[in-house]
Structures are given as structure tokens and as C-alpha cells.
Amino acid sequence: MTLQQTIKKDLAAAMKARDEARKNAIRVIMGEFARAEGKELTDDEAVRILKKLAKSERETMEQTKSTGDNEYLQIIESYLPRTADEAEIRAWIDANIDFSQFKNKMQAMRPIMAHFGANAEGETVKKVLQTY
């Protein structure tokens, strides 16, 4: 089952449970999916849209200086895959990257991001690479 299908199923469950916050958040997500080019999205496309929504919500919270828990953001993040932390990225780099093949260490970013895909934030990878 794709991520998009899972979210559709969760919308029906939220409607049955009369969970207004979850229902409204999922409807926003589904609206963003509908704006995408294809009817059926791959999981990578769906994750990209979810990340964009989460980033937008975080920026809104920063601008309004909101410090409380944001249920909408928590719902969006519940659908995002777990991202690799610095230790996991560092361990993979140590095992798989030979820096002598690159003119500078930042050029290693491409194979690292290719391996981790949507499961690693580019900023985290960059931060780890700067320590080498």
C-alpha cells in the first residue's frame, strides 16, 4: 500500500472516529496531493509534499513565535519516514566513502544522499561532512 493510499484510508478512519483535527489535517494533505501532476503519487513524491507542508508549518510557528505543541504538524510528521541521525550517517560514510576519490569532501554529498534518499536531511549530511 502506498503512502497516499494509507493517508486516504486514515481519512476515512478519522471521519468515522469523528477526529476533527486529524480529518482536517489529512484533508489539507490530500489537497496538496491533488495539486501534484499525477493522480497516483509515488512514495517519494508524497514524502516531498509532506516535508514541504511540515517546513511551511514550522516557519509559520517561528513567525508567530508559537511554542506550544502543534497537532497539525504532529499529524504530518507521523507520515514522514524516520530520518537518519548524525551517527547513522557518519557510520555509513566511514564504511562506504573514500574521500580520496573527491576533490573536496562536499562532493561526497551526492552518493550519500543517493543512498539515504528521503531518509536524510541535506543539512544534517552537510553538517556531518564538515566534521571530516
C-alpha atoms as a PDB file:
ATOM      1  CA  MET A   1       0.000   0.000   0.000  1.00  0.00           C
ATOM      2  CA  THR A   2       1.436   3.380  -0.977  1.00  0.00           C
ATOM      3  CA  LEU A   3       1.687   6.287   1.414  1.00  0.00           C
ATOM      4  CA  GLN A   4      -1.048   8.094  -0.493  1.00  0.00           C
ATOM      5  CA  GLN A   5      -3.412   5.123  -0.112  1.00  0.00           C
ATOM      6  CA  THR A   6      -2.575   4.858   3.580  1.00  0.00           C
ATOM      7  CA  ILE A   7      -3.442   8.521   4.089  1.00  0.00           C
ATOM      8  CA  LYS A   8      -6.743   8.085   2.213  1.00  0.00           C
ATOM      9  CA  LYS A   9      -7.583   5.138   4.455  1.00  0.00           C
ATOM     10  CA  ASP A  10      -6.677   7.174   7.536  1.00  0.00           C
ATOM     11  CA  LEU A  11      -9.010   9.949   6.378  1.00  0.00           C
ATOM     12  CA  ALA A  12     -11.923   7.519   6.328  1.00  0.00           C
ATOM     13  CA  ALA A  13     -10.956   6.244   9.788  1.00  0.00           C
ATOM     14  CA  ALA A  14     -10.696   9.797  11.154  1.00  0.00           C
ATOM     15  CA  MET A  15     -14.128  10.623   9.751  1.00  0.00           C
ATOM     16  CA  LYS A  16     -15.643   7.535  11.379  1.00  0.00           C
ATOM     17  CA  ALA A  17     -13.942   8.353  14.686  1.00  0.00           C
ATOM     18  CA  ARG A  18     -15.071  11.978  14.411  1.00  0.00           C
ATOM     19  CA  ASP A  19     -11.485  13.139  14.957  1.00  0.00           C
ATOM     20  CA  GLU A  20     -11.799  16.666  13.583  1.00  0.00           C
ATOM     21  CA  ALA A  21      -8.142  17.673  13.951  1.00  0.00           C
ATOM     22  CA  ARG A  22      -6.859  14.575  12.157  1.00  0.00           C
ATOM     23  CA  LYS A  23      -9.575  14.795   9.496  1.00  0.00           C
ATOM     24  CA  ASN A  24      -8.791  18.436   8.746  1.00  0.00           C
ATOM     25  CA  ALA A  25      -5.033  17.843   8.618  1.00  0.00           C
ATOM     26  CA  ILE A  26      -5.432  14.883   6.271  1.00  0.00           C
ATOM     27  CA  ARG A  27      -7.743  16.908   4.037  1.00  0.00           C
ATOM     28  CA  VAL A  28      -5.037  19.570   3.699  1.00  0.00           C
ATOM     29  CA  ILE A  29      -2.539  16.835   2.827  1.00  0.00           C
ATOM     30  CA  MET A  30      -4.919  15.301   0.284  1.00  0.00           C
ATOM     31  CA  GLY A  31      -5.479  18.753  -1.225  1.00  0.00           C
ATOM     32  CA  GLU A  32      -1.739  19.134  -1.739  1.00  0.00           C
ATOM     33  CA  PHE A  33      -1.598  15.662  -3.295  1.00  0.00           C
ATOM     34  CA  ALA A  34      -4.383  16.676  -5.701  1.00  0.00           C
ATOM     35  CA  ARG A  35      -2.352  19.703  -6.815  1.00  0.00           C
ATOM     36  CA  ALA A  36       0.518  17.405  -7.855  1.00  0.00           C
ATOM     37  CA  GLU A  37       0.835  16.451 -11.503  1.00  0.00           C
ATOM     38  CA  GLY A  38      -0.222  12.813 -11.382  1.00  0.00           C
ATOM     39  CA  LYS A  39      -3.264  11.198  -9.811  1.00  0.00           C
ATOM     40  CA  GLU A  40      -1.226   8.478  -8.117  1.00  0.00           C
ATOM     41  CA  LEU A  41       1.939   9.669  -6.422  1.00  0.00           C
ATOM     42  CA  THR A  42       4.999   7.616  -5.654  1.00  0.00           C
ATOM     43  CA  ASP A  43       6.010   7.455  -2.008  1.00  0.00           C
ATOM     44  CA  ASP A  44       8.971   9.768  -2.729  1.00  0.00           C
ATOM     45  CA  GLU A  45       6.652  12.386  -4.241  1.00  0.00           C
ATOM     46  CA  ALA A  46       4.264  12.081  -1.304  1.00  0.00           C
ATOM     47  CA  VAL A  47       7.122  12.426   1.199  1.00  0.00           C
ATOM     48  CA  ARG A  48       8.382  15.525  -0.627  1.00  0.00           C
ATOM     49  CA  ILE A  49       4.925  17.120  -0.352  1.00  0.00           C
ATOM     50  CA  LEU A  50       4.661  16.186   3.338  1.00  0.00           C
ATOM     51  CA  LYS A  51       8.105  17.658   4.036  1.00  0.00           C
ATOM     52  CA  LYS A  52       7.077  20.861   2.286  1.00  0.00           C
ATOM     53  CA  LEU A  53       3.928  21.102   4.415  1.00  0.00           C
ATOM     54  CA  ALA A  54       5.868  20.428   7.620  1.00  0.00           C
ATOM     55  CA  LYS A  55       8.505  23.022   6.742  1.00  0.00           C
ATOM     56  CA  SER A  56       5.817  25.581   5.970  1.00  0.00           C
ATOM     57  CA  GLU A  57       4.104  24.920   9.296  1.00  0.00           C
ATOM     58  CA  ARG A  58       7.394  25.221  11.220  1.00  0.00           C
ATOM     59  CA  GLU A  59       8.106  28.553   9.504  1.00  0.00           C
ATOM     60  CA  THR A  60       4.636  29.775  10.407  1.00  0.00           C
ATOM     61  CA  MET A  61       5.199  28.756  14.017  1.00  0.00           C
ATOM     62  CA  GLU A  62       8.526  30.644  14.056  1.00  0.00           C
ATOM     63  CA  GLN A  63       6.955  33.793  12.630  1.00  0.00           C
ATOM     64  CA  THR A  64       4.128  33.737  15.134  1.00  0.00           C
ATOM     65  CA  LYS A  65       6.551  32.735  17.897  1.00  0.00           C
ATOM     66  CA  SER A  66       4.309  29.812  18.802  1.00  0.00           C
ATOM     67  CA  THR A  67       5.928  27.470  21.302  1.00  0.00           C
ATOM     68  CA  GLY A  68       3.123  25.022  22.022  1.00  0.00           C
ATOM     69  CA  ASP A  69       2.567  21.615  20.513  1.00  0.00           C
ATOM     70  CA  ASN A  70       1.119  21.816  17.034  1.00  0.00           C
ATOM     71  CA  GLU A  71      -1.222  18.884  16.422  1.00  0.00           C
ATOM     72  CA  TYR A  72      -1.332  19.576  12.678  1.00  0.00           C
ATOM     73  CA  LEU A  73       2.465  19.358  12.454  1.00  0.00           C
ATOM     74  CA  GLN A  74       2.495  16.166  14.528  1.00  0.00           C
ATOM     75  CA  ILE A  75      -0.021  14.551  12.173  1.00  0.00           C
ATOM     76  CA  ILE A  76       2.039  15.482   9.111  1.00  0.00           C
ATOM     77  CA  GLU A  77       5.243  14.212  10.703  1.00  0.00           C
ATOM     78  CA  SER A  78       3.576  10.927  11.636  1.00  0.00           C
ATOM     79  CA  TYR A  79       3.504  10.075   7.914  1.00  0.00           C
ATOM     80  CA  LEU A  80       7.126  11.010   7.265  1.00  0.00           C
ATOM     81  CA  PRO A  81       9.727   8.247   7.341  1.00  0.00           C
ATOM     82  CA  ARG A  82      12.179   8.318  10.216  1.00  0.00           C
ATOM     83  CA  THR A  83      15.199  10.343   9.196  1.00  0.00           C
ATOM     84  CA  ALA A  84      18.740   9.126   9.710  1.00  0.00           C
ATOM     85  CA  ASP A  85      20.576  10.794  12.558  1.00  0.00           C
ATOM     86  CA  GLU A  86      24.169  12.032  12.526  1.00  0.00           C
ATOM     87  CA  ALA A  87      25.536   8.798  13.990  1.00  0.00           C
ATOM     88  CA  GLU A  88      23.908   6.650  11.288  1.00  0.00           C
ATOM     89  CA  ILE A  89      25.142   8.950   8.531  1.00  0.00           C
ATOM     90  CA  ARG A  90      28.668   9.034   9.979  1.00  0.00           C
ATOM     91  CA  ALA A  91      28.750   5.224  10.256  1.00  0.00           C
ATOM     92  CA  TRP A  92      27.673   4.802   6.628  1.00  0.00           C
ATOM     93  CA  ILE A  93      30.212   7.375   5.432  1.00  0.00           C
ATOM     94  CA  ASP A  94      33.014   5.631   7.355  1.00  0.00           C
ATOM     95  CA  ALA A  95      32.100   2.293   5.805  1.00  0.00           C
ATOM     96  CA  ASN A  96      31.405   3.408   2.231  1.00  0.00           C
ATOM     97  CA  ILE A  97      33.028   6.700   1.268  1.00  0.00           C
ATOM     98  CA  ASP A  98      36.650   7.092   0.186  1.00  0.00           C
ATOM     99  CA  PHE A  99      37.359  10.832   0.292  1.00  0.00           C
ATOM    100  CA  SER A 100      40.444  10.417  -1.916  1.00  0.00           C
ATOM    101  CA  GLN A 101      38.065   9.993  -4.880  1.00  0.00           C
ATOM    102  CA  PHE A 102      36.729  13.533  -4.455  1.00  0.00           C
ATOM    103  CA  LYS A 103      38.375  16.924  -4.938  1.00  0.00           C
ATOM    104  CA  ASN A 104      36.690  18.146  -1.765  1.00  0.00           C
ATOM    105  CA  LYS A 105      34.660  16.397   0.889  1.00  0.00           C
ATOM    106  CA  MET A 106      31.393  18.114  -0.029  1.00  0.00           C
ATOM    107  CA  GLN A 107      31.381  16.282  -3.367  1.00  0.00           C
ATOM    108  CA  ALA A 108      30.664  13.126  -1.384  1.00  0.00           C
ATOM    109  CA  MET A 109      27.217  14.535  -0.683  1.00  0.00           C
ATOM    110  CA  ARG A 110      25.796  13.076  -3.912  1.00  0.00           C
ATOM    111  CA  PRO A 111      26.447   9.375  -3.170  1.00  0.00           C
ATOM    112  CA  ILE A 112      25.412   9.857   0.452  1.00  0.00           C
ATOM    113  CA  MET A 113      22.089  11.438  -0.488  1.00  0.00           C
ATOM    114  CA  ALA A 114      21.591   8.802  -3.196  1.00  0.00           C
ATOM    115  CA  HIS A 115      21.948   6.114  -0.530  1.00  0.00           C
ATOM    116  CA  PHE A 116      19.742   7.713   2.133  1.00  0.00           C
ATOM    117  CA  GLY A 117      17.259   9.407  -0.216  1.00  0.00           C
ATOM    118  CA  ALA A 118      14.359  10.969   1.673  1.00  0.00           C
ATOM    119  CA  ASN A 119      15.586   9.388   4.908  1.00  0.00           C
ATOM    120  CA  ALA A 120      18.300  12.020   5.459  1.00  0.00           C
ATOM    121  CA  GLU A 121      18.126  15.786   5.644  1.00  0.00           C
ATOM    122  CA  GLY A 122      20.648  17.530   3.416  1.00  0.00           C
ATOM    123  CA  GLU A 123      21.587  19.931   6.209  1.00  0.00           C
ATOM    124  CA  THR A 124      22.408  17.025   8.542  1.00  0.00           C
ATOM    125  CA  VAL A 125      24.593  15.352   5.904  1.00  0.00           C
ATOM    126  CA  LYS A 126      26.364  18.651   5.241  1.00  0.00           C
ATOM    127  CA  LYS A 127      26.983  19.140   8.964  1.00  0.00           C
ATOM    128  CA  VAL A 128      28.466  15.637   9.257  1.00  0.00           C
ATOM    129  CA  LEU A 129      30.683  16.134   6.184  1.00  0.00           C
ATOM    130  CA  GLN A 130      32.071  19.366   7.602  1.00  0.00           C
ATOM    131  CA  THR A 131      33.490  17.424  10.559  1.00  0.00           C
ATOM    132  CA  TYR A 132      35.717  15.306   8.303  1.00  0.00           C
END
